[in-house]
Amino acid sequence: MDKACRYDIDSAIGYAVGHAAARIKIALRRAFLAAGHDVTPDQWVVLYRLLENEGLTQAGLGERTVKDKTTITRILDRLEARALLTRRRDPGDRRSQRLYLTETGRALARALVPIVQAFADAAYADLTENDKAVLRDLLARIEARLERLPDIKDAP
């Protein structure tokens, strides 16, 4: 490999975080399927955020779930096709849509909570409560720093 292009990706924090996140999503998807629920982890997050706060706008939900407009639209389209949520025009802003779970969507979101809790208990069993707190703090600090970074438009 070109010496100027050398990079130890296996030691990179971003790679490690992304790799762990991908493995968590794969394992959680398997847990949902094993319990008889054909739901992706990304769909679960959307369902849960709406369970917490129905009536969010599509843009607001995208911000809360860290999903771009295209991704959140695709997730919402799939959930709406399964009659798990509805979109309603915002009476105060006709360009905006508010999102609401259907009774089926609400029931599914509630049914997934214990599956997620059991999954988390198993997945993070080797971590102490302090380990978990430290990890959450470190990730929050990274996110906060990323929010303060300027956009890099023409990186070499």
Protein backbone atom coordinates (compact mmCIF):
# COMPACT_ATOMS: atom_id res chain seq x y z
CA MET A 1 0.00 0.00 0.00
CA ASP A 2 1.12 3.54 -0.71
CA LYS A 3 2.86 4.87 2.41
CA ALA A 4 1.00 8.19 2.18
CA CYS A 5 -2.32 6.31 2.29
CA ARG A 6 -1.54 4.22 5.34
CA TYR A 7 -4.18 4.28 8.00
CA ASP A 8 -4.78 1.80 10.81
CA ILE A 9 -8.53 1.45 10.41
CA ASP A 10 -8.70 -1.29 13.02
CA SER A 11 -7.52 1.19 15.67
CA ALA A 12 -9.85 3.98 14.54
CA ILE A 13 -12.51 4.92 17.09
CA GLY A 14 -15.05 5.78 14.39
CA TYR A 15 -14.59 2.41 12.75
CA ALA A 16 -14.92 0.60 16.10
CA VAL A 17 -18.09 2.52 17.00
CA GLY A 18 -19.61 1.94 13.55
CA HIS A 19 -18.67 -1.73 13.60
CA ALA A 20 -20.20 -2.26 17.05
CA ALA A 21 -23.34 -0.35 16.03
CA ALA A 22 -23.74 -2.51 12.92
CA ARG A 23 -23.34 -5.70 14.97
CA ILE A 24 -25.88 -4.45 17.52
CA LYS A 25 -28.40 -3.74 14.74
CA ILE A 26 -27.90 -7.18 13.20
CA ALA A 27 -28.35 -8.93 16.54
CA LEU A 28 -31.38 -6.82 17.50
CA ARG A 29 -33.01 -7.56 14.14
CA ARG A 30 -32.52 -11.28 14.85
CA ALA A 31 -34.10 -10.86 18.29
CA PHE A 32 -37.14 -9.16 16.73
CA LEU A 33 -37.50 -11.90 14.11
CA ALA A 34 -37.11 -14.64 16.74
CA ALA A 35 -39.96 -13.03 18.66
CA GLY A 36 -42.11 -12.99 15.51
CA HIS A 37 -41.77 -9.29 14.66
CA ASP A 38 -40.59 -8.30 11.19
CA VAL A 39 -39.16 -4.94 12.23
CA THR A 40 -35.74 -3.41 11.68
CA PRO A 41 -33.87 -1.60 14.46
CA ASP A 42 -34.29 1.67 12.52
CA GLN A 43 -38.04 1.10 12.32
CA TRP A 44 -38.09 0.29 16.04
CA VAL A 45 -36.42 3.62 16.86
CA VAL A 46 -39.00 5.49 14.78
CA LEU A 47 -41.88 3.60 16.41
CA TYR A 48 -40.51 4.24 19.88
CA ARG A 49 -39.84 7.95 19.28
CA LEU A 50 -43.44 8.32 18.09
CA LEU A 51 -44.69 6.36 21.09
CA GLU A 52 -42.84 8.89 23.26
CA ASN A 53 -44.02 11.92 21.33
CA GLU A 54 -46.79 11.48 18.79
CA GLY A 55 -47.40 14.34 16.43
CA LEU A 56 -43.76 15.00 15.65
CA THR A 57 -43.10 16.43 12.23
CA GLN A 58 -41.22 14.31 9.75
CA ALA A 59 -38.28 16.73 10.00
CA GLY A 60 -38.40 16.65 13.80
CA LEU A 61 -38.45 12.87 13.81
CA GLY A 62 -35.49 12.84 11.43
CA GLU A 63 -33.54 15.03 13.85
CA ARG A 64 -34.49 12.90 16.88
CA THR A 65 -33.44 9.69 15.10
CA VAL A 66 -30.41 11.14 13.28
CA LYS A 67 -31.82 10.14 9.90
CA ASP A 68 -31.61 12.20 6.74
CA LYS A 69 -34.76 13.17 4.83
CA THR A 70 -34.47 10.31 2.31
CA THR A 71 -33.90 7.64 4.97
CA ILE A 72 -36.68 8.81 7.29
CA THR A 73 -39.09 9.04 4.34
CA ARG A 74 -38.27 5.46 3.32
CA ILE A 75 -38.79 4.17 6.87
CA LEU A 76 -42.06 6.07 7.22
CA ASP A 77 -43.30 4.81 3.85
CA ARG A 78 -42.72 1.22 4.95
CA LEU A 79 -44.37 1.70 8.33
CA GLU A 80 -47.33 3.49 6.76
CA ALA A 81 -47.73 0.69 4.18
CA ARG A 82 -48.02 -1.72 7.12
CA ALA A 83 -50.66 0.54 8.72
CA LEU A 84 -48.42 1.24 11.73
CA LEU A 85 -48.54 5.01 11.41
CA THR A 86 -50.36 7.81 9.66
CA ARG A 87 -49.24 11.15 8.32
CA ARG A 88 -51.47 14.17 8.74
CA ARG A 89 -50.98 17.64 7.34
CA ASP A 90 -49.95 20.15 9.97
CA PRO A 91 -52.80 22.67 10.14
CA GLY A 92 -50.31 25.42 11.02
CA ASP A 93 -47.90 24.61 8.18
CA ARG A 94 -49.38 22.87 5.16
CA ARG A 95 -45.90 21.91 3.90
CA SER A 96 -45.31 19.88 7.05
CA GLN A 97 -46.73 16.52 8.11
CA ARG A 98 -47.34 15.30 11.64
CA LEU A 99 -46.85 11.63 12.44
CA TYR A 100 -49.11 9.44 14.56
CA LEU A 101 -49.02 5.77 15.44
CA THR A 102 -52.06 3.69 14.66
CA GLU A 103 -53.40 1.39 17.39
CA THR A 104 -51.50 -1.43 15.68
CA GLY A 105 -48.32 0.64 15.62
CA ARG A 106 -48.71 1.60 19.26
CA ALA A 107 -49.26 -2.04 20.25
CA LEU A 108 -46.22 -3.15 18.26
CA ALA A 109 -43.99 -0.46 19.78
CA ARG A 110 -45.09 -1.53 23.26
CA ALA A 111 -44.53 -5.22 22.44
CA LEU A 112 -40.99 -4.48 21.28
CA VAL A 113 -39.93 -2.71 24.48
CA PRO A 114 -39.39 -5.89 26.57
CA ILE A 115 -37.56 -7.50 23.64
CA VAL A 116 -35.19 -4.54 23.45
CA GLN A 117 -34.73 -4.56 27.22
CA ALA A 118 -33.90 -8.28 27.27
CA PHE A 119 -31.60 -7.86 24.29
CA ALA A 120 -29.74 -5.00 26.00
CA ASP A 121 -29.41 -7.00 29.21
CA ALA A 122 -27.81 -9.86 27.29
CA ALA A 123 -25.70 -7.75 24.92
CA TYR A 124 -24.22 -5.56 27.64
CA ALA A 125 -24.02 -8.19 30.40
CA ASP A 126 -20.25 -7.85 30.63
CA LEU A 127 -20.49 -4.11 31.35
CA THR A 128 -20.95 -2.71 34.83
CA GLU A 129 -23.39 0.13 35.42
CA ASN A 130 -20.35 2.40 35.69
CA ASP A 131 -18.99 1.09 32.36
CA LYS A 132 -22.33 1.90 30.73
CA ALA A 133 -22.38 5.40 32.23
CA VAL A 134 -18.82 6.06 31.09
CA LEU A 135 -19.58 4.78 27.58
CA ARG A 136 -22.71 6.95 27.30
CA ASP A 137 -20.70 9.95 28.52
CA LEU A 138 -17.87 9.35 26.04
CA LEU A 139 -20.29 8.97 23.14
CA ALA A 140 -22.16 12.12 24.19
CA ARG A 141 -18.88 14.05 24.29
CA ILE A 142 -17.97 12.83 20.81
CA GLU A 143 -21.41 13.85 19.50
CA ALA A 144 -21.13 17.27 21.14
CA ARG A 145 -17.71 17.80 19.56
CA LEU A 146 -19.03 16.77 16.16
CA GLU A 147 -21.81 19.36 16.49
CA ARG A 148 -19.16 22.04 16.98
CA LEU A 149 -16.93 21.00 14.08
CA PRO A 150 -17.13 23.13 10.96
CA ASP A 151 -18.30 21.39 7.81
CA ILE A 152 -15.36 20.13 5.83
CA LYS A 153 -16.18 20.88 2.24
CA ASP A 154 -12.94 20.28 0.40
CA ALA A 155 -11.00 17.82 2.50
CA PRO A 156 -7.86 16.55 0.78
